[in-house]
Amino acid sequence: MPLFPESKTFALAATVAALLAGPAVAGPAASVTITDAWLRPAPAGMSMTSGYLTLRNTSAQPVRLRAAATPLARSVTLHRSVVTGGVARMEALSEGLVIPPGGSAVFKPGGNHLMLEGLSHPLKVGDKLSLTLSFDGQTATTAVFEVRASAPDEAMPAGMKMR
């Protein structure tokens, strides 16, 4: 019996949904390259984690990252951390994130990030997880994210306190 039988059911449902939606959302090939894709560990008892990556727009037009998904999480949302009065809080990027022509968007601790919630199982250092990124007017792109140890403290802005 699988350790997480519900993840198999969820993965099957997500695959069927993707196949049914595939032709309706297909567009031109993605003009975004993805590098440095990684996730924080999510030990047993934690059902959420954050993800980081760098996106580079190789086209002459702006590109909007609209969403991300994986069958191994109930939801993946785009967020940014902002510091007000020395206290960090998250804001949803509900309109997505525009990457200018020839520009980059860096997702890093203390800045833009992906929030994965409702994980189907714990994530440990060395695990790999595929996430599909959706862009307006382009074919979705899948990237492999590696689970890495937490970023060093100096990756957080000076004076930032988590609440």
N, C-alpha and C. Protein backbone atom coordinates (compact mmCIF):
# COMPACT_ATOMS: atom_id res chain seq x y z
N MET A 1 0.85 -1.18 0.00
CA MET A 1 0.00 0.00 0.00
C MET A 1 0.89 1.24 0.00
N PRO A 2 0.64 2.23 -0.87
CA PRO A 2 1.47 3.42 -0.91
C PRO A 2 1.40 4.17 0.41
N LEU A 3 2.48 4.86 0.73
CA LEU A 3 2.54 5.64 1.95
C LEU A 3 1.50 6.76 1.95
N PHE A 4 1.25 7.36 0.81
CA PHE A 4 0.29 8.45 0.68
C PHE A 4 -0.69 8.12 -0.44
N PRO A 5 -1.68 7.26 -0.21
CA PRO A 5 -2.58 6.84 -1.29
C PRO A 5 -3.37 8.00 -1.87
N GLU A 6 -3.68 9.02 -1.05
CA GLU A 6 -4.45 10.14 -1.57
C GLU A 6 -3.66 10.94 -2.62
N SER A 7 -2.33 10.93 -2.54
CA SER A 7 -1.53 11.66 -3.52
C SER A 7 -1.64 11.00 -4.90
N LYS A 8 -1.80 9.67 -4.93
CA LYS A 8 -1.96 8.97 -6.20
C LYS A 8 -3.28 9.37 -6.86
N THR A 9 -4.34 9.44 -6.07
CA THR A 9 -5.65 9.85 -6.59
C THR A 9 -5.59 11.29 -7.09
N PHE A 10 -4.95 12.16 -6.29
CA PHE A 10 -4.85 13.56 -6.68
C PHE A 10 -4.02 13.71 -7.96
N ALA A 11 -2.92 12.97 -8.04
CA ALA A 11 -2.06 13.04 -9.23
C ALA A 11 -2.82 12.58 -10.47
N LEU A 12 -3.62 11.53 -10.34
CA LEU A 12 -4.41 11.04 -11.47
C LEU A 12 -5.42 12.10 -11.89
N ALA A 13 -6.11 12.69 -10.93
CA ALA A 13 -7.10 13.73 -11.24
C ALA A 13 -6.44 14.94 -11.91
N ALA A 14 -5.27 15.34 -11.41
CA ALA A 14 -4.57 16.48 -12.00
C ALA A 14 -4.11 16.17 -13.42
N THR A 15 -3.66 14.94 -13.67
CA THR A 15 -3.24 14.54 -15.01
C THR A 15 -4.41 14.58 -15.98
N VAL A 16 -5.55 14.03 -15.57
CA VAL A 16 -6.74 14.04 -16.42
C VAL A 16 -7.17 15.48 -16.71
N ALA A 17 -7.18 16.32 -15.69
CA ALA A 17 -7.57 17.73 -15.89
C ALA A 17 -6.61 18.42 -16.86
N ALA A 18 -5.31 18.15 -16.72
CA ALA A 18 -4.33 18.77 -17.63
C ALA A 18 -4.53 18.31 -19.06
N LEU A 19 -4.82 17.02 -19.25
CA LEU A 19 -5.04 16.50 -20.60
C LEU A 19 -6.29 17.11 -21.22
N LEU A 20 -7.33 17.26 -20.44
CA LEU A 20 -8.56 17.86 -20.95
C LEU A 20 -8.38 19.33 -21.28
N ALA A 21 -7.59 20.04 -20.49
CA ALA A 21 -7.40 21.47 -20.70
C ALA A 21 -6.31 21.76 -21.72
N GLY A 22 -5.40 20.80 -21.95
CA GLY A 22 -4.23 21.04 -22.79
C GLY A 22 -4.47 21.76 -24.09
N PRO A 23 -5.28 21.25 -25.00
CA PRO A 23 -5.45 21.90 -26.29
C PRO A 23 -6.07 23.29 -26.18
N ALA A 24 -6.89 23.53 -25.17
CA ALA A 24 -7.56 24.83 -25.05
C ALA A 24 -6.61 25.93 -24.60
N VAL A 25 -5.51 25.58 -23.90
CA VAL A 25 -4.63 26.61 -23.38
C VAL A 25 -3.30 26.68 -24.12
N ALA A 26 -3.10 25.83 -25.08
CA ALA A 26 -1.83 25.83 -25.80
C ALA A 26 -1.65 27.13 -26.56
N GLY A 27 -0.43 27.61 -26.59
CA GLY A 27 -0.10 28.83 -27.30
C GLY A 27 1.28 28.69 -27.88
N PRO A 28 1.89 29.83 -28.26
CA PRO A 28 3.25 29.78 -28.78
C PRO A 28 4.21 29.21 -27.73
N ALA A 29 5.33 28.71 -28.18
CA ALA A 29 6.33 28.17 -27.27
C ALA A 29 6.75 29.24 -26.27
N ALA A 30 7.00 28.82 -25.06
CA ALA A 30 7.41 29.75 -24.01
C ALA A 30 8.74 30.40 -24.37
N SER A 31 8.84 31.69 -24.07
CA SER A 31 10.07 32.43 -24.33
C SER A 31 10.74 32.78 -23.02
N VAL A 32 10.54 31.93 -22.01
CA VAL A 32 11.10 32.17 -20.69
C VAL A 32 12.00 31.01 -20.32
N THR A 33 13.22 31.31 -19.88
CA THR A 33 14.11 30.27 -19.38
C THR A 33 14.02 30.26 -17.86
N ILE A 34 14.15 29.07 -17.29
CA ILE A 34 14.02 28.89 -15.85
C ILE A 34 15.34 28.33 -15.33
N THR A 35 15.91 28.99 -14.32
CA THR A 35 17.14 28.51 -13.69
C THR A 35 17.01 28.61 -12.18
N ASP A 36 17.93 27.97 -11.49
CA ASP A 36 18.03 28.04 -10.03
C ASP A 36 16.72 27.74 -9.32
N ALA A 37 16.00 26.72 -9.76
CA ALA A 37 14.71 26.35 -9.17
C ALA A 37 14.93 25.46 -7.94
N TRP A 38 14.47 25.94 -6.78
CA TRP A 38 14.63 25.15 -5.56
C TRP A 38 13.48 25.42 -4.59
N LEU A 39 13.30 24.45 -3.66
CA LEU A 39 12.27 24.53 -2.63
C LEU A 39 12.92 24.36 -1.27
N ARG A 40 12.28 24.92 -0.26
CA ARG A 40 12.72 24.67 1.11
C ARG A 40 12.17 23.30 1.54
N PRO A 41 12.85 22.64 2.48
CA PRO A 41 12.32 21.37 3.00
C PRO A 41 10.99 21.60 3.72
N ALA A 42 10.16 20.58 3.76
CA ALA A 42 8.89 20.61 4.51
C ALA A 42 8.84 19.32 5.32
N PRO A 43 9.29 19.38 6.57
CA PRO A 43 9.32 18.17 7.39
C PRO A 43 7.93 17.64 7.70
N ALA A 44 7.88 16.42 8.22
CA ALA A 44 6.61 15.82 8.62
C ALA A 44 5.87 16.80 9.53
N GLY A 45 4.59 16.94 9.30
CA GLY A 45 3.77 17.86 10.09
C GLY A 45 3.61 19.21 9.43
N MET A 46 4.46 19.56 8.46
CA MET A 46 4.33 20.82 7.73
C MET A 46 3.75 20.51 6.36
N SER A 47 2.67 21.17 6.01
CA SER A 47 2.05 20.89 4.72
C SER A 47 2.26 22.03 3.73
N MET A 48 3.23 22.91 4.02
CA MET A 48 3.52 24.01 3.09
C MET A 48 5.01 24.27 3.04
N THR A 49 5.41 24.90 1.93
CA THR A 49 6.80 25.30 1.76
C THR A 49 6.85 26.44 0.74
N SER A 50 8.04 26.97 0.53
CA SER A 50 8.21 28.04 -0.45
C SER A 50 9.22 27.62 -1.51
N GLY A 51 9.04 28.21 -2.70
CA GLY A 51 9.89 27.88 -3.83
C GLY A 51 10.49 29.12 -4.45
N TYR A 52 11.66 28.95 -5.02
CA TYR A 52 12.44 30.07 -5.57
C TYR A 52 13.02 29.67 -6.92
N LEU A 53 13.23 30.65 -7.78
CA LEU A 53 13.76 30.41 -9.12
C LEU A 53 14.09 31.73 -9.77
N THR A 54 14.72 31.66 -10.92
CA THR A 54 14.96 32.84 -11.75
C THR A 54 14.32 32.60 -13.10
N LEU A 55 13.54 33.57 -13.56
CA LEU A 55 12.89 33.52 -14.87
C LEU A 55 13.52 34.60 -15.75
N ARG A 56 13.89 34.22 -16.97
CA ARG A 56 14.45 35.19 -17.92
C ARG A 56 13.59 35.19 -19.17
N ASN A 57 13.10 36.38 -19.53
CA ASN A 57 12.28 36.57 -20.72
C ASN A 57 13.21 36.80 -21.91
N THR A 58 13.24 35.86 -22.84
CA THR A 58 14.14 35.97 -23.99
C THR A 58 13.47 36.61 -25.20
N SER A 59 12.22 37.06 -25.03
CA SER A 59 11.50 37.64 -26.17
C SER A 59 11.58 39.17 -26.16
N ALA A 60 11.05 39.76 -27.21
CA ALA A 60 10.99 41.22 -27.34
C ALA A 60 9.69 41.79 -26.78
N GLN A 61 8.87 40.93 -26.18
CA GLN A 61 7.58 41.35 -25.61
C GLN A 61 7.55 41.02 -24.12
N PRO A 62 6.80 41.79 -23.33
CA PRO A 62 6.65 41.41 -21.93
C PRO A 62 5.92 40.07 -21.81
N VAL A 63 6.22 39.33 -20.76
CA VAL A 63 5.61 38.04 -20.50
C VAL A 63 5.08 38.06 -19.07
N ARG A 64 3.85 37.58 -18.88
CA ARG A 64 3.26 37.55 -17.54
C ARG A 64 3.18 36.11 -17.03
N LEU A 65 3.86 35.87 -15.90
CA LEU A 65 3.70 34.60 -15.19
C LEU A 65 2.36 34.70 -14.48
N ARG A 66 1.48 33.76 -14.77
CA ARG A 66 0.12 33.83 -14.25
C ARG A 66 -0.10 32.87 -13.07
N ALA A 67 0.48 31.67 -13.15
CA ALA A 67 0.20 30.66 -12.12
C ALA A 67 1.26 29.57 -12.14
N ALA A 68 1.22 28.74 -11.10
CA ALA A 68 2.07 27.55 -11.01
C ALA A 68 1.25 26.44 -10.38
N ALA A 69 1.61 25.19 -10.69
CA ALA A 69 0.86 24.05 -10.16
C ALA A 69 1.75 22.82 -10.10
N THR A 70 1.40 21.92 -9.20
CA THR A 70 2.01 20.61 -9.11
C THR A 70 0.97 19.66 -8.54
N PRO A 71 0.92 18.42 -9.00
CA PRO A 71 -0.04 17.48 -8.44
C PRO A 71 0.25 17.12 -6.98
N LEU A 72 1.44 17.48 -6.48
CA LEU A 72 1.81 17.12 -5.11
C LEU A 72 1.48 18.19 -4.08
N ALA A 73 0.78 19.27 -4.52
CA ALA A 73 0.33 20.31 -3.58
C ALA A 73 -1.10 20.71 -3.96
N ARG A 74 -1.90 21.00 -2.93
CA ARG A 74 -3.28 21.42 -3.17
C ARG A 74 -3.31 22.74 -3.96
N SER A 75 -2.38 23.65 -3.64
CA SER A 75 -2.32 24.91 -4.37
C SER A 75 -0.89 25.44 -4.39
N VAL A 76 -0.61 26.21 -5.44
CA VAL A 76 0.65 26.94 -5.55
C VAL A 76 0.27 28.36 -5.91
N THR A 77 0.70 29.32 -5.11
CA THR A 77 0.36 30.72 -5.35
C THR A 77 1.63 31.56 -5.44
N LEU A 78 1.51 32.66 -6.15
CA LEU A 78 2.62 33.60 -6.31
C LEU A 78 2.51 34.65 -5.22
N HIS A 79 3.61 34.92 -4.52
CA HIS A 79 3.63 35.91 -3.44
C HIS A 79 4.88 36.76 -3.52
N ARG A 80 4.86 37.84 -2.76
CA ARG A 80 6.07 38.61 -2.52
C ARG A 80 6.07 38.98 -1.05
N SER A 81 7.27 39.06 -0.49
CA SER A 81 7.43 39.52 0.89
C SER A 81 7.69 41.01 0.86
N VAL A 82 7.04 41.72 1.75
CA VAL A 82 7.27 43.15 1.89
C VAL A 82 7.57 43.42 3.36
N VAL A 83 8.41 44.42 3.61
CA VAL A 83 8.76 44.78 4.97
C VAL A 83 8.19 46.16 5.26
N THR A 84 7.37 46.24 6.31
CA THR A 84 6.81 47.50 6.75
C THR A 84 7.11 47.65 8.24
N GLY A 85 7.81 48.71 8.60
CA GLY A 85 8.15 48.91 10.00
C GLY A 85 8.98 47.79 10.58
N GLY A 86 9.82 47.16 9.76
CA GLY A 86 10.68 46.08 10.21
C GLY A 86 9.99 44.73 10.33
N VAL A 87 8.71 44.66 9.95
CA VAL A 87 7.97 43.40 10.03
C VAL A 87 7.64 42.92 8.62
N ALA A 88 7.96 41.66 8.34
CA ALA A 88 7.71 41.09 7.02
C ALA A 88 6.29 40.54 6.96
N ARG A 89 5.66 40.70 5.80
CA ARG A 89 4.37 40.08 5.55
C ARG A 89 4.34 39.69 4.08
N MET A 90 3.42 38.79 3.74
CA MET A 90 3.30 38.34 2.36
C MET A 90 2.12 39.01 1.69
N GLU A 91 2.29 39.30 0.41
CA GLU A 91 1.20 39.80 -0.44
C GLU A 91 1.08 38.86 -1.64
N ALA A 92 -0.14 38.47 -1.94
CA ALA A 92 -0.38 37.64 -3.12
C ALA A 92 -0.17 38.47 -4.37
N LEU A 93 0.44 37.88 -5.37
CA LEU A 93 0.59 38.52 -6.69
C LEU A 93 -0.59 38.02 -7.53
N SER A 94 -1.78 38.50 -7.20
CA SER A 94 -3.00 37.99 -7.81
C SER A 94 -3.11 38.29 -9.30
N GLU A 95 -2.40 39.28 -9.77
CA GLU A 95 -2.39 39.60 -11.21
C GLU A 95 -1.21 38.95 -11.92
N GLY A 96 -0.48 38.11 -11.21
CA GLY A 96 0.70 37.49 -11.79
C GLY A 96 1.90 38.42 -11.68
N LEU A 97 2.92 38.13 -12.46
CA LEU A 97 4.14 38.92 -12.44
C LEU A 97 4.62 39.13 -13.87
N VAL A 98 4.79 40.39 -14.26
CA VAL A 98 5.25 40.72 -15.61
C VAL A 98 6.77 40.75 -15.64
N ILE A 99 7.32 40.05 -16.63
CA ILE A 99 8.77 40.04 -16.85
C ILE A 99 9.01 40.86 -18.12
N PRO A 100 9.76 41.95 -18.02
CA PRO A 100 9.96 42.82 -19.19
C PRO A 100 10.77 42.13 -20.29
N PRO A 101 10.67 42.62 -21.52
CA PRO A 101 11.45 42.05 -22.62
C PRO A 101 12.94 42.04 -22.27
N GLY A 102 13.57 40.88 -22.43
CA GLY A 102 15.00 40.76 -22.13
C GLY A 102 15.32 40.82 -20.65
N GLY A 103 14.32 40.90 -19.79
CA GLY A 103 14.54 41.05 -18.36
C GLY A 103 14.40 39.74 -17.60
N SER A 104 14.60 39.84 -16.30
CA SER A 104 14.53 38.68 -15.42
C SER A 104 13.64 38.98 -14.22
N ALA A 105 13.11 37.92 -13.65
CA ALA A 105 12.40 37.99 -12.37
C ALA A 105 13.05 36.98 -11.46
N VAL A 106 13.54 37.44 -10.32
CA VAL A 106 14.22 36.57 -9.38
C VAL A 106 13.29 36.33 -8.20
N PHE A 107 13.04 35.06 -7.90
CA PHE A 107 12.25 34.64 -6.75
C PHE A 107 13.27 34.18 -5.72
N LYS A 108 13.33 34.88 -4.56
CA LYS A 108 14.34 34.56 -3.55
C LYS A 108 13.77 34.83 -2.16
N PRO A 109 14.39 34.24 -1.13
CA PRO A 109 13.91 34.50 0.23
C PRO A 109 13.87 36.00 0.51
N GLY A 110 12.79 36.44 1.12
CA GLY A 110 12.63 37.85 1.42
C GLY A 110 12.08 38.66 0.26
N GLY A 111 11.73 38.01 -0.85
CA GLY A 111 11.21 38.70 -2.04
C GLY A 111 10.08 37.90 -2.66
N ASN A 112 10.05 37.86 -3.98
CA ASN A 112 9.04 37.05 -4.67
C ASN A 112 9.29 35.58 -4.38
N HIS A 113 8.21 34.81 -4.27
CA HIS A 113 8.33 33.37 -4.03
C HIS A 113 7.04 32.66 -4.39
N LEU A 114 7.14 31.35 -4.52
CA LEU A 114 5.98 30.49 -4.73
C LEU A 114 5.62 29.89 -3.38
N MET A 115 4.33 29.85 -3.04
CA MET A 115 3.87 29.18 -1.82
C MET A 115 3.16 27.91 -2.23
N LEU A 116 3.67 26.77 -1.78
CA LEU A 116 3.04 25.48 -2.03
C LEU A 116 2.33 25.08 -0.75
N GLU A 117 1.01 24.89 -0.85
CA GLU A 117 0.22 24.55 0.33
C GLU A 117 -0.51 23.23 0.10
N GLY A 118 -0.73 22.51 1.19
CA GLY A 118 -1.42 21.23 1.10
C GLY A 118 -0.55 20.17 0.46
N LEU A 119 0.73 20.12 0.84
CA LEU A 119 1.63 19.11 0.28
C LEU A 119 1.14 17.71 0.61
N SER A 120 1.28 16.79 -0.32
CA SER A 120 0.80 15.42 -0.12
C SER A 120 1.75 14.59 0.74
N HIS A 121 2.99 15.05 0.89
CA HIS A 121 3.96 14.34 1.74
C HIS A 121 5.10 15.28 2.10
N PRO A 122 5.87 14.95 3.14
CA PRO A 122 7.00 15.80 3.54
C PRO A 122 8.03 15.89 2.41
N LEU A 123 8.76 17.00 2.37
CA LEU A 123 9.84 17.20 1.41
C LEU A 123 11.14 17.29 2.17
N LYS A 124 12.12 16.48 1.77
CA LYS A 124 13.41 16.52 2.44
C LYS A 124 14.50 16.92 1.45
N VAL A 125 15.60 17.41 1.98
CA VAL A 125 16.73 17.84 1.15
C VAL A 125 17.09 16.74 0.18
N GLY A 126 17.22 17.12 -1.09
CA GLY A 126 17.56 16.17 -2.15
C GLY A 126 16.37 15.71 -2.97
N ASP A 127 15.15 15.85 -2.42
CA ASP A 127 13.95 15.50 -3.20
C ASP A 127 13.83 16.42 -4.41
N LYS A 128 13.13 15.94 -5.43
CA LYS A 128 12.87 16.75 -6.63
C LYS A 128 11.38 16.75 -6.89
N LEU A 129 10.88 17.90 -7.34
CA LEU A 129 9.45 18.08 -7.56
C LEU A 129 9.25 18.89 -8.83
N SER A 130 8.37 18.43 -9.71
CA SER A 130 8.07 19.17 -10.94
C SER A 130 6.94 20.16 -10.70
N LEU A 131 7.13 21.38 -11.14
CA LEU A 131 6.09 22.40 -11.10
C LEU A 131 5.88 22.91 -12.51
N THR A 132 4.62 23.15 -12.86
CA THR A 132 4.29 23.70 -14.16
C THR A 132 3.95 25.17 -14.00
N LEU A 133 4.63 26.01 -14.77
CA LEU A 133 4.42 27.46 -14.74
C LEU A 133 3.59 27.86 -15.95
N SER A 134 2.56 28.67 -15.71
CA SER A 134 1.67 29.12 -16.78
C SER A 134 1.89 30.60 -17.04
N PHE A 135 2.05 30.92 -18.32
CA PHE A 135 2.28 32.30 -18.76
C PHE A 135 1.14 32.70 -19.69
N ASP A 136 0.74 33.96 -19.67
CA ASP A 136 -0.30 34.42 -20.58
C ASP A 136 0.16 34.24 -22.02
N GLY A 137 -0.69 33.62 -22.85
CA GLY A 137 -0.45 33.51 -24.28
C GLY A 137 0.67 32.58 -24.69
N GLN A 138 1.16 31.74 -23.79
CA GLN A 138 2.25 30.83 -24.13
C GLN A 138 1.95 29.44 -23.59
N THR A 139 2.64 28.48 -24.13
CA THR A 139 2.54 27.11 -23.64
C THR A 139 3.13 27.06 -22.23
N ALA A 140 2.47 26.32 -21.34
CA ALA A 140 2.98 26.15 -19.98
C ALA A 140 4.34 25.45 -20.02
N THR A 141 5.17 25.73 -19.03
CA THR A 141 6.52 25.18 -18.96
C THR A 141 6.69 24.46 -17.63
N THR A 142 7.24 23.25 -17.67
CA THR A 142 7.49 22.48 -16.46
C THR A 142 8.96 22.56 -16.10
N ALA A 143 9.22 22.77 -14.80
CA ALA A 143 10.60 22.83 -14.30
C ALA A 143 10.73 21.90 -13.10
N VAL A 144 11.91 21.35 -12.94
CA VAL A 144 12.19 20.49 -11.79
C VAL A 144 12.84 21.35 -10.71
N PHE A 145 12.21 21.34 -9.53
CA PHE A 145 12.71 22.07 -8.37
C PHE A 145 13.36 21.07 -7.42
N GLU A 146 14.57 21.37 -6.95
CA GLU A 146 15.25 20.51 -6.00
C GLU A 146 15.06 21.08 -4.60
N VAL A 147 14.80 20.20 -3.64
CA VAL A 147 14.67 20.63 -2.25
C VAL A 147 16.09 20.81 -1.69
N ARG A 148 16.35 22.03 -1.22
CA ARG A 148 17.66 22.37 -0.68
C ARG A 148 17.51 22.85 0.76
N ALA A 149 18.61 22.83 1.50
CA ALA A 149 18.61 23.36 2.87
C ALA A 149 18.23 24.84 2.80
N SER A 150 17.69 25.34 3.87
CA SER A 150 17.27 26.74 3.93
C SER A 150 18.40 27.66 3.53
N ALA A 151 18.03 28.79 2.95
CA ALA A 151 19.00 29.79 2.55
C ALA A 151 19.67 30.38 3.79
N PRO A 152 20.90 30.85 3.68
CA PRO A 152 21.56 31.46 4.83
C PRO A 152 20.81 32.71 5.29
N ASP A 153 20.96 33.06 6.56
CA ASP A 153 20.26 34.21 7.12
C ASP A 153 20.52 35.49 6.34
N GLU A 154 21.71 35.63 5.75
CA GLU A 154 22.02 36.87 5.03
C GLU A 154 21.17 37.03 3.77
N ALA A 155 20.41 36.00 3.39
CA ALA A 155 19.51 36.14 2.24
C ALA A 155 18.28 36.96 2.58
N MET A 156 17.98 37.11 3.89
CA MET A 156 16.85 37.92 4.32
C MET A 156 17.34 39.36 4.46
N PRO A 157 16.49 40.34 4.12
CA PRO A 157 16.89 41.74 4.28
C PRO A 157 17.25 42.05 5.73
N ALA A 158 18.23 42.90 5.92
CA ALA A 158 18.68 43.26 7.26
C ALA A 158 17.52 43.81 8.09
N GLY A 159 17.44 43.38 9.32
CA GLY A 159 16.41 43.89 10.23
C GLY A 159 15.05 43.28 10.06
N MET A 160 14.90 42.32 9.14
CA MET A 160 13.58 41.73 8.89
C MET A 160 13.23 40.79 10.02
N LYS A 161 12.00 40.90 10.52
CA LYS A 161 11.49 39.98 11.53
C LYS A 161 10.26 39.31 10.97
N MET A 162 10.20 38.01 11.15
CA MET A 162 9.02 37.28 10.70
C MET A 162 8.02 37.28 11.83
N ARG A 163 6.75 37.44 11.50
CA ARG A 163 5.71 37.47 12.52
C ARG A 163 4.73 36.37 12.27
